[in-house]
Amino acid sequence: ANMGTVPADTYLATYTHVLVYTKSALIEQSTPAAMNLSDTSALVAGSSFFDEDLDAFEFGGILEWSPPEDTTWVTHYVLYFAEYGIEVTTTTT
């Protein structure tokens, strides 16, 4: 995955978006990909999962969680499937 790091304590100032351009030795992209910048966080709690798939090496069922108390800035939830703590698949709901 391509990624960049924003150092901790970076001053937000009046910035509202993060822009990402592609660049090569030949050209720089003229229209960037953009995303809103938000200095907020919200944590879910009480997650549970009961595996209803009885096949070996497969799983399926309903994952439930309690939403944060304040969902003002929550736009969606992202589920990560991981193996030994390493992200392998992302699902947005």
PDB file of N, CA and C in Angstrom:
ATOM      1  N   ALA A   1       0.840  -1.191   0.000  1.00  0.00           N
ATOM      2  CA  ALA A   1       0.000   0.000   0.000  1.00  0.00           C
ATOM      3  C   ALA A   1       0.876   1.242   0.000  1.00  0.00           C
ATOM      4  N   ASN A   2       0.437   2.230  -0.703  1.00  0.00           N
ATOM      5  CA  ASN A   2       1.128   3.510  -0.693  1.00  0.00           C
ATOM      6  C   ASN A   2       0.614   4.318   0.476  1.00  0.00           C
ATOM      7  N   MET A   3       1.508   5.006   1.162  1.00  0.00           N
ATOM      8  CA  MET A   3       1.088   5.776   2.313  1.00  0.00           C
ATOM      9  C   MET A   3       2.079   6.873   2.609  1.00  0.00           C
ATOM     10  N   GLY A   4       1.627   7.844   3.340  1.00  0.00           N
ATOM     11  CA  GLY A   4       2.478   8.927   3.814  1.00  0.00           C
ATOM     12  C   GLY A   4       2.206   9.121   5.287  1.00  0.00           C
ATOM     13  N   THR A   5       3.137   9.684   5.987  1.00  0.00           N
ATOM     14  CA  THR A   5       2.987   9.880   7.423  1.00  0.00           C
ATOM     15  C   THR A   5       2.886  11.362   7.737  1.00  0.00           C
ATOM     16  N   VAL A   6       1.913  11.701   8.551  1.00  0.00           N
ATOM     17  CA  VAL A   6       1.799  13.057   9.078  1.00  0.00           C
ATOM     18  C   VAL A   6       2.311  12.977  10.502  1.00  0.00           C
ATOM     19  N   PRO A   7       3.379  13.697  10.820  1.00  0.00           N
ATOM     20  CA  PRO A   7       3.951  13.608  12.170  1.00  0.00           C
ATOM     21  C   PRO A   7       2.953  14.040  13.241  1.00  0.00           C
ATOM     22  N   ALA A   8       3.036  13.416  14.413  1.00  0.00           N
ATOM     23  CA  ALA A   8       2.199  13.818  15.542  1.00  0.00           C
ATOM     24  C   ALA A   8       2.431  15.288  15.855  1.00  0.00           C
ATOM     25  N   ASP A   9       1.408  15.937  16.330  1.00  0.00           N
ATOM     26  CA  ASP A   9       1.445  17.354  16.718  1.00  0.00           C
ATOM     27  C   ASP A   9       1.603  18.302  15.537  1.00  0.00           C
ATOM     28  N   THR A  10       1.311  17.833  14.314  1.00  0.00           N
ATOM     29  CA  THR A  10       1.308  18.724  13.159  1.00  0.00           C
ATOM     30  C   THR A  10       0.180  19.723  13.343  1.00  0.00           C
ATOM     31  N   TYR A  11       0.471  20.993  13.233  1.00  0.00           N
ATOM     32  CA  TYR A  11      -0.522  22.039  13.465  1.00  0.00           C
ATOM     33  C   TYR A  11      -1.550  22.036  12.340  1.00  0.00           C
ATOM     34  N   LEU A  12      -2.835  21.946  12.690  1.00  0.00           N
ATOM     35  CA  LEU A  12      -3.922  21.868  11.723  1.00  0.00           C
ATOM     36  C   LEU A  12      -4.116  23.187  10.981  1.00  0.00           C
ATOM     37  N   ALA A  13      -3.913  24.313  11.664  1.00  0.00           N
ATOM     38  CA  ALA A  13      -4.086  25.658  11.091  1.00  0.00           C
ATOM     39  C   ALA A  13      -5.451  25.762  10.417  1.00  0.00           C
ATOM     40  N   THR A  14      -5.493  26.229   9.185  1.00  0.00           N
ATOM     41  CA  THR A  14      -6.764  26.373   8.472  1.00  0.00           C
ATOM     42  C   THR A  14      -6.904  25.345   7.352  1.00  0.00           C
ATOM     43  N   TYR A  15      -6.061  24.327   7.368  1.00  0.00           N
ATOM     44  CA  TYR A  15      -6.134  23.297   6.333  1.00  0.00           C
ATOM     45  C   TYR A  15      -7.441  22.524   6.440  1.00  0.00           C
ATOM     46  N   THR A  16      -8.050  22.215   5.315  1.00  0.00           N
ATOM     47  CA  THR A  16      -9.314  21.486   5.301  1.00  0.00           C
ATOM     48  C   THR A  16      -9.238  20.188   4.511  1.00  0.00           C
ATOM     49  N   HIS A  17      -8.200  20.002   3.669  1.00  0.00           N
ATOM     50  CA  HIS A  17      -8.099  18.827   2.812  1.00  0.00           C
ATOM     51  C   HIS A  17      -6.655  18.331   2.729  1.00  0.00           C
ATOM     52  N   VAL A  18      -6.530  17.058   2.392  1.00  0.00           N
ATOM     53  CA  VAL A  18      -5.244  16.461   2.044  1.00  0.00           C
ATOM     54  C   VAL A  18      -5.322  16.131   0.564  1.00  0.00           C
ATOM     55  N   LEU A  19      -4.309  16.516  -0.194  1.00  0.00           N
ATOM     56  CA  LEU A  19      -4.265  16.247  -1.634  1.00  0.00           C
ATOM     57  C   LEU A  19      -3.139  15.269  -1.933  1.00  0.00           C
ATOM     58  N   VAL A  20      -3.390  14.354  -2.867  1.00  0.00           N
ATOM     59  CA  VAL A  20      -2.371  13.382  -3.263  1.00  0.00           C
ATOM     60  C   VAL A  20      -2.219  13.441  -4.777  1.00  0.00           C
ATOM     61  N   TYR A  21      -0.990  13.683  -5.225  1.00  0.00           N
ATOM     62  CA  TYR A  21      -0.662  13.731  -6.647  1.00  0.00           C
ATOM     63  C   TYR A  21       0.245  12.558  -6.993  1.00  0.00           C
ATOM     64  N   THR A  22       0.154  12.072  -8.216  1.00  0.00           N
ATOM     65  CA  THR A  22       1.161  11.135  -8.702  1.00  0.00           C
ATOM     66  C   THR A  22       2.259  11.953  -9.354  1.00  0.00           C
ATOM     67  N   LYS A  23       3.480  11.442  -9.320  1.00  0.00           N
ATOM     68  CA  LYS A  23       4.595  12.166  -9.919  1.00  0.00           C
ATOM     69  C   LYS A  23       5.603  11.160 -10.445  1.00  0.00           C
ATOM     70  N   SER A  24       6.119  11.439 -11.617  1.00  0.00           N
ATOM     71  CA  SER A  24       7.169  10.605 -12.194  1.00  0.00           C
ATOM     72  C   SER A  24       8.235  11.532 -12.764  1.00  0.00           C
ATOM     73  N   ALA A  25       9.245  10.955 -13.373  1.00  0.00           N
ATOM     74  CA  ALA A  25      10.288  11.764 -13.994  1.00  0.00           C
ATOM     75  C   ALA A  25       9.736  12.534 -15.194  1.00  0.00           C
ATOM     76  N   LEU A  26       8.607  12.094 -15.748  1.00  0.00           N
ATOM     77  CA  LEU A  26       8.037  12.715 -16.939  1.00  0.00           C
ATOM     78  C   LEU A  26       6.985  13.778 -16.651  1.00  0.00           C
ATOM     79  N   ILE A  27       6.171  13.565 -15.610  1.00  0.00           N
ATOM     80  CA  ILE A  27       5.033  14.462 -15.413  1.00  0.00           C
ATOM     81  C   ILE A  27       4.524  14.378 -13.969  1.00  0.00           C
ATOM     82  N   GLU A  28       3.839  15.430 -13.541  1.00  0.00           N
ATOM     83  CA  GLU A  28       3.120  15.415 -12.273  1.00  0.00           C
ATOM     84  C   GLU A  28       1.638  15.513 -12.580  1.00  0.00           C
ATOM     85  N   GLN A  29       0.837  14.718 -11.904  1.00  0.00           N
ATOM     86  CA  GLN A  29      -0.607  14.716 -12.098  1.00  0.00           C
ATOM     87  C   GLN A  29      -1.157  16.127 -11.894  1.00  0.00           C
ATOM     88  N   SER A  30      -2.057  16.572 -12.765  1.00  0.00           N
ATOM     89  CA  SER A  30      -2.592  17.932 -12.660  1.00  0.00           C
ATOM     90  C   SER A  30      -3.818  18.020 -11.756  1.00  0.00           C
ATOM     91  N   THR A  31      -4.571  16.936 -11.625  1.00  0.00           N
ATOM     92  CA  THR A  31      -5.743  16.934 -10.754  1.00  0.00           C
ATOM     93  C   THR A  31      -5.522  15.891  -9.663  1.00  0.00           C
ATOM     94  N   PRO A  32      -5.378  16.329  -8.418  1.00  0.00           N
ATOM     95  CA  PRO A  32      -5.066  15.380  -7.348  1.00  0.00           C
ATOM     96  C   PRO A  32      -6.296  14.652  -6.833  1.00  0.00           C
ATOM     97  N   ALA A  33      -6.062  13.570  -6.116  1.00  0.00           N
ATOM     98  CA  ALA A  33      -7.108  12.946  -5.309  1.00  0.00           C
ATOM     99  C   ALA A  33      -7.161  13.754  -4.023  1.00  0.00           C
ATOM    100  N   ALA A  34      -8.348  14.026  -3.523  1.00  0.00           N
ATOM    101  CA  ALA A  34      -8.491  14.853  -2.324  1.00  0.00           C
ATOM    102  C   ALA A  34      -9.392  14.190  -1.304  1.00  0.00           C
ATOM    103  N   MET A  35      -9.120  14.447  -0.036  1.00  0.00           N
ATOM    104  CA  MET A  35     -10.011  13.988   1.021  1.00  0.00           C
ATOM    105  C   MET A  35     -10.079  15.036   2.111  1.00  0.00           C
ATOM    106  N   ASN A  36     -11.245  15.104   2.761  1.00  0.00           N
ATOM    107  CA  ASN A  36     -11.421  16.055   3.847  1.00  0.00           C
ATOM    108  C   ASN A  36     -10.497  15.713   4.999  1.00  0.00           C
ATOM    109  N   LEU A  37     -10.016  16.722   5.655  1.00  0.00           N
ATOM    110  CA  LEU A  37      -9.138  16.567   6.795  1.00  0.00           C
ATOM    111  C   LEU A  37      -9.951  16.825   8.057  1.00  0.00           C
ATOM    112  N   SER A  38      -9.907  15.910   8.982  1.00  0.00           N
ATOM    113  CA  SER A  38     -10.697  16.038  10.207  1.00  0.00           C
ATOM    114  C   SER A  38      -9.840  15.671  11.406  1.00  0.00           C
ATOM    115  N   ASP A  39      -9.883  16.486  12.423  1.00  0.00           N
ATOM    116  CA  ASP A  39      -9.123  16.238  13.648  1.00  0.00           C
ATOM    117  C   ASP A  39     -10.077  15.710  14.723  1.00  0.00           C
ATOM    118  N   THR A  40     -10.724  14.584  14.417  1.00  0.00           N
ATOM    119  CA  THR A  40     -11.680  13.989  15.345  1.00  0.00           C
ATOM    120  C   THR A  40     -11.429  12.493  15.442  1.00  0.00           C
ATOM    121  N   SER A  41     -11.980  11.894  16.465  1.00  0.00           N
ATOM    122  CA  SER A  41     -11.920  10.435  16.575  1.00  0.00           C
ATOM    123  C   SER A  41     -13.152   9.949  17.321  1.00  0.00           C
ATOM    124  N   ALA A  42     -13.518   8.721  17.080  1.00  0.00           N
ATOM    125  CA  ALA A  42     -14.633   8.085  17.763  1.00  0.00           C
ATOM    126  C   ALA A  42     -14.347   6.595  17.818  1.00  0.00           C
ATOM    127  N   LEU A  43     -14.556   5.995  18.962  1.00  0.00           N
ATOM    128  CA  LEU A  43     -14.249   4.580  19.144  1.00  0.00           C
ATOM    129  C   LEU A  43     -15.510   3.783  19.416  1.00  0.00           C
ATOM    130  N   VAL A  44     -15.631   2.624  18.771  1.00  0.00           N
ATOM    131  CA  VAL A  44     -16.736   1.713  19.075  1.00  0.00           C
ATOM    132  C   VAL A  44     -16.346   0.884  20.293  1.00  0.00           C
ATOM    133  N   ALA A  45     -17.336   0.241  20.894  1.00  0.00           N
ATOM    134  CA  ALA A  45     -17.076  -0.590  22.074  1.00  0.00           C
ATOM    135  C   ALA A  45     -17.956  -1.824  22.010  1.00  0.00           C
ATOM    136  N   GLY A  46     -17.688  -2.762  22.870  1.00  0.00           N
ATOM    137  CA  GLY A  46     -18.540  -3.931  23.028  1.00  0.00           C
ATOM    138  C   GLY A  46     -18.743  -4.752  21.774  1.00  0.00           C
ATOM    139  N   SER A  47     -17.696  -4.980  21.006  1.00  0.00           N
ATOM    140  CA  SER A  47     -17.859  -5.758  19.778  1.00  0.00           C
ATOM    141  C   SER A  47     -18.019  -7.245  20.103  1.00  0.00           C
ATOM    142  N   SER A  48     -18.815  -7.915  19.282  1.00  0.00           N
ATOM    143  CA  SER A  48     -18.990  -9.354  19.441  1.00  0.00           C
ATOM    144  C   SER A  48     -19.227  -9.992  18.082  1.00  0.00           C
ATOM    145  N   PHE A  49     -18.816 -11.255  17.967  1.00  0.00           N
ATOM    146  CA  PHE A  49     -19.003 -12.009  16.729  1.00  0.00           C
ATOM    147  C   PHE A  49     -19.260 -13.457  17.098  1.00  0.00           C
ATOM    148  N   PHE A  50     -20.323 -14.033  16.548  1.00  0.00           N
ATOM    149  CA  PHE A  50     -20.617 -15.448  16.723  1.00  0.00           C
ATOM    150  C   PHE A  50     -20.538 -16.100  15.350  1.00  0.00           C
ATOM    151  N   ASP A  51     -19.601 -17.045  15.196  1.00  0.00           N
ATOM    152  CA  ASP A  51     -19.390 -17.716  13.912  1.00  0.00           C
ATOM    153  C   ASP A  51     -20.522 -18.699  13.650  1.00  0.00           C
ATOM    154  N   GLU A  52     -21.311 -18.443  12.604  1.00  0.00           N
ATOM    155  CA  GLU A  52     -22.429 -19.300  12.237  1.00  0.00           C
ATOM    156  C   GLU A  52     -22.097 -20.246  11.080  1.00  0.00           C
ATOM    157  N   ASP A  53     -20.886 -20.147  10.551  1.00  0.00           N
ATOM    158  CA  ASP A  53     -20.449 -21.012   9.451  1.00  0.00           C
ATOM    159  C   ASP A  53     -19.744 -22.214  10.061  1.00  0.00           C
ATOM    160  N   LEU A  54     -20.274 -23.410   9.853  1.00  0.00           N
ATOM    161  CA  LEU A  54     -19.722 -24.608  10.478  1.00  0.00           C
ATOM    162  C   LEU A  54     -18.616 -25.266   9.667  1.00  0.00           C
ATOM    163  N   ASP A  55     -18.319 -24.738   8.472  1.00  0.00           N
ATOM    164  CA  ASP A  55     -17.253 -25.308   7.651  1.00  0.00           C
ATOM    165  C   ASP A  55     -15.888 -24.959   8.239  1.00  0.00           C
ATOM    166  N   ALA A  56     -14.965 -25.907   8.146  1.00  0.00           N
ATOM    167  CA  ALA A  56     -13.601 -25.658   8.607  1.00  0.00           C
ATOM    168  C   ALA A  56     -12.951 -24.575   7.745  1.00  0.00           C
ATOM    169  N   PHE A  57     -12.167 -23.733   8.355  1.00  0.00           N
ATOM    170  CA  PHE A  57     -11.401 -22.679   7.691  1.00  0.00           C
ATOM    171  C   PHE A  57     -12.274 -21.609   7.028  1.00  0.00           C
ATOM    172  N   GLU A  58     -13.542 -21.514   7.424  1.00  0.00           N
ATOM    173  CA  GLU A  58     -14.446 -20.483   6.914  1.00  0.00           C
ATOM    174  C   GLU A  58     -15.213 -19.897   8.091  1.00  0.00           C
ATOM    175  N   PHE A  59     -15.628 -18.661   7.948  1.00  0.00           N
ATOM    176  CA  PHE A  59     -16.440 -18.064   8.992  1.00  0.00           C
ATOM    177  C   PHE A  59     -17.495 -17.164   8.368  1.00  0.00           C
ATOM    178  N   GLY A  60     -18.545 -16.938   9.093  1.00  0.00           N
ATOM    179  CA  GLY A  60     -19.617 -16.076   8.642  1.00  0.00           C
ATOM    180  C   GLY A  60     -20.581 -15.849   9.786  1.00  0.00           C
ATOM    181  N   GLY A  61     -21.150 -14.708   9.855  1.00  0.00           N
ATOM    182  CA  GLY A  61     -22.070 -14.370  10.927  1.00  0.00           C
ATOM    183  C   GLY A  61     -22.201 -12.864  11.033  1.00  0.00           C
ATOM    184  N   ILE A  62     -22.770 -12.432  12.109  1.00  0.00           N
ATOM    185  CA  ILE A  62     -23.003 -11.005  12.298  1.00  0.00           C
ATOM    186  C   ILE A  62     -22.035 -10.456  13.336  1.00  0.00           C
ATOM    187  N   LEU A  63     -21.342  -9.406  12.957  1.00  0.00           N
ATOM    188  CA  LEU A  63     -20.464  -8.681  13.863  1.00  0.00           C
ATOM    189  C   LEU A  63     -21.267  -7.509  14.405  1.00  0.00           C
ATOM    190  N   GLU A  64     -21.328  -7.390  15.706  1.00  0.00           N
ATOM    191  CA  GLU A  64     -22.074  -6.302  16.326  1.00  0.00           C
ATOM    192  C   GLU A  64     -21.149  -5.470  17.195  1.00  0.00           C
ATOM    193  N   TRP A  65     -21.449  -4.175  17.313  1.00  0.00           N
ATOM    194  CA  TRP A  65     -20.702  -3.295  18.192  1.00  0.00           C
ATOM    195  C   TRP A  65     -21.615  -2.168  18.645  1.00  0.00           C
ATOM    196  N   SER A  66     -21.205  -1.514  19.715  1.00  0.00           N
ATOM    197  CA  SER A  66     -21.927  -0.340  20.210  1.00  0.00           C
ATOM    198  C   SER A  66     -21.268   0.886  19.605  1.00  0.00           C
ATOM    199  N   PRO A  67     -22.059   1.774  19.004  1.00  0.00           N
ATOM    200  CA  PRO A  67     -21.487   2.973  18.405  1.00  0.00           C
ATOM    201  C   PRO A  67     -20.951   3.925  19.473  1.00  0.00           C
ATOM    202  N   PRO A  68     -20.112   4.862  19.076  1.00  0.00           N
ATOM    203  CA  PRO A  68     -19.621   5.856  20.030  1.00  0.00           C
ATOM    204  C   PRO A  68     -20.784   6.673  20.590  1.00  0.00           C
ATOM    205  N   GLU A  69     -20.590   7.250  21.769  1.00  0.00           N
ATOM    206  CA  GLU A  69     -21.638   8.087  22.348  1.00  0.00           C
ATOM    207  C   GLU A  69     -21.960   9.267  21.435  1.00  0.00           C
ATOM    208  N   ASP A  70     -20.936   9.881  20.875  1.00  0.00           N
ATOM    209  CA  ASP A  70     -21.130  11.021  19.974  1.00  0.00           C
ATOM    210  C   ASP A  70     -20.789  10.579  18.551  1.00  0.00           C
ATOM    211  N   THR A  71     -21.807  10.480  17.699  1.00  0.00           N
ATOM    212  CA  THR A  71     -21.585  10.051  16.315  1.00  0.00           C
ATOM    213  C   THR A  71     -21.667  11.223  15.335  1.00  0.00           C
ATOM    214  N   THR A  72     -21.521  12.430  15.845  1.00  0.00           N
ATOM    215  CA  THR A  72     -21.627  13.628  15.016  1.00  0.00           C
ATOM    216  C   THR A  72     -20.733  13.555  13.787  1.00  0.00           C
ATOM    217  N   TRP A  73     -19.500  13.114  13.960  1.00  0.00           N
ATOM    218  CA  TRP A  73     -18.534  13.125  12.854  1.00  0.00           C
ATOM    219  C   TRP A  73     -18.318  11.757  12.239  1.00  0.00           C
ATOM    220  N   VAL A  74     -19.045  10.730  12.667  1.00  0.00           N
ATOM    221  CA  VAL A  74     -18.897   9.386  12.101  1.00  0.00           C
ATOM    222  C   VAL A  74     -19.648   9.333  10.776  1.00  0.00           C
ATOM    223  N   THR A  75     -18.934   9.024   9.709  1.00  0.00           N
ATOM    224  CA  THR A  75     -19.564   8.924   8.390  1.00  0.00           C
ATOM    225  C   THR A  75     -19.729   7.472   7.948  1.00  0.00           C
ATOM    226  N   HIS A  76     -18.884   6.563   8.447  1.00  0.00           N
ATOM    227  CA  HIS A  76     -18.982   5.149   8.132  1.00  0.00           C
ATOM    228  C   HIS A  76     -18.082   4.374   9.088  1.00  0.00           C
ATOM    229  N   TYR A  77     -18.219   3.073   9.065  1.00  0.00           N
ATOM    230  CA  TYR A  77     -17.369   2.195   9.859  1.00  0.00           C
ATOM    231  C   TYR A  77     -16.521   1.371   8.896  1.00  0.00           C
ATOM    232  N   VAL A  78     -15.312   1.041   9.288  1.00  0.00           N
ATOM    233  CA  VAL A  78     -14.417   0.235   8.461  1.00  0.00           C
ATOM    234  C   VAL A  78     -14.066  -1.023   9.233  1.00  0.00           C
ATOM    235  N   LEU A  79     -14.273  -2.174   8.602  1.00  0.00           N
ATOM    236  CA  LEU A  79     -13.937  -3.453   9.206  1.00  0.00           C
ATOM    237  C   LEU A  79     -12.642  -3.958   8.589  1.00  0.00           C
ATOM    238  N   TYR A  80     -11.719  -4.430   9.408  1.00  0.00           N
ATOM    239  CA  TYR A  80     -10.450  -4.962   8.928  1.00  0.00           C
ATOM    240  C   TYR A  80     -10.382  -6.446   9.238  1.00  0.00           C
ATOM    241  N   PHE A  81     -10.079  -7.251   8.232  1.00  0.00           N
ATOM    242  CA  PHE A  81      -9.783  -8.653   8.453  1.00  0.00           C
ATOM    243  C   PHE A  81      -8.264  -8.741   8.528  1.00  0.00           C
ATOM    244  N   ALA A  82      -7.760  -9.399   9.544  1.00  0.00           N
ATOM    245  CA  ALA A  82      -6.314  -9.415   9.750  1.00  0.00           C
ATOM    246  C   ALA A  82      -5.827 -10.825  10.053  1.00  0.00           C
ATOM    247  N   GLU A  83      -4.563 -11.023   9.787  1.00  0.00           N
ATOM    248  CA  GLU A  83      -3.900 -12.279  10.106  1.00  0.00           C
ATOM    249  C   GLU A  83      -2.678 -11.953  10.935  1.00  0.00           C
ATOM    250  N   TYR A  84      -2.637 -12.407  12.157  1.00  0.00           N
ATOM    251  CA  TYR A  84      -1.530 -12.141  13.063  1.00  0.00           C
ATOM    252  C   TYR A  84      -1.253 -10.651  13.222  1.00  0.00           C
ATOM    253  N   GLY A  85      -2.329  -9.861  13.248  1.00  0.00           N
ATOM    254  CA  GLY A  85      -2.190  -8.427  13.477  1.00  0.00           C
ATOM    255  C   GLY A  85      -1.797  -7.629  12.248  1.00  0.00           C
ATOM    256  N   ILE A  86      -1.737  -8.262  11.070  1.00  0.00           N
ATOM    257  CA  ILE A  86      -1.387  -7.554   9.833  1.00  0.00           C
ATOM    258  C   ILE A  86      -2.636  -7.419   9.001  1.00  0.00           C
ATOM    259  N   GLU A  87      -2.965  -6.194   8.607  1.00  0.00           N
ATOM    260  CA  GLU A  87      -4.161  -5.937   7.813  1.00  0.00           C
ATOM    261  C   GLU A  87      -4.048  -6.622   6.449  1.00  0.00           C
ATOM    262  N   VAL A  88      -5.100  -7.350   6.072  1.00  0.00           N
ATOM    263  CA  VAL A  88      -5.098  -7.979   4.746  1.00  0.00           C
ATOM    264  C   VAL A  88      -6.272  -7.566   3.883  1.00  0.00           C
ATOM    265  N   THR A  89      -7.421  -7.250   4.460  1.00  0.00           N
ATOM    266  CA  THR A  89      -8.601  -6.873   3.692  1.00  0.00           C
ATOM    267  C   THR A  89      -9.371  -5.806   4.440  1.00  0.00           C
ATOM    268  N   THR A  90      -9.911  -4.837   3.719  1.00  0.00           N
ATOM    269  CA  THR A  90     -10.713  -3.786   4.326  1.00  0.00           C
ATOM    270  C   THR A  90     -12.100  -3.802   3.711  1.00  0.00           C
ATOM    271  N   THR A  91     -13.113  -3.680   4.540  1.00  0.00           N
ATOM    272  CA  THR A  91     -14.498  -3.593   4.087  1.00  0.00           C
ATOM    273  C   THR A  91     -15.119  -2.363   4.695  1.00  0.00           C
ATOM    274  N   THR A  92     -15.731  -1.506   3.900  1.00  0.00           N
ATOM    275  CA  THR A  92     -16.378  -0.301   4.393  1.00  0.00           C
ATOM    276  C   THR A  92     -17.870  -0.527   4.429  1.00  0.00           C
ATOM    277  N   THR A  93     -18.492  -0.153   5.552  1.00  0.00           N
ATOM    278  CA  THR A  93     -19.936  -0.269   5.683  1.00  0.00           C
ATOM    279  C   THR A  93     -20.543   1.061   6.076  1.00  0.00           C
TER     280      THR A  93
END
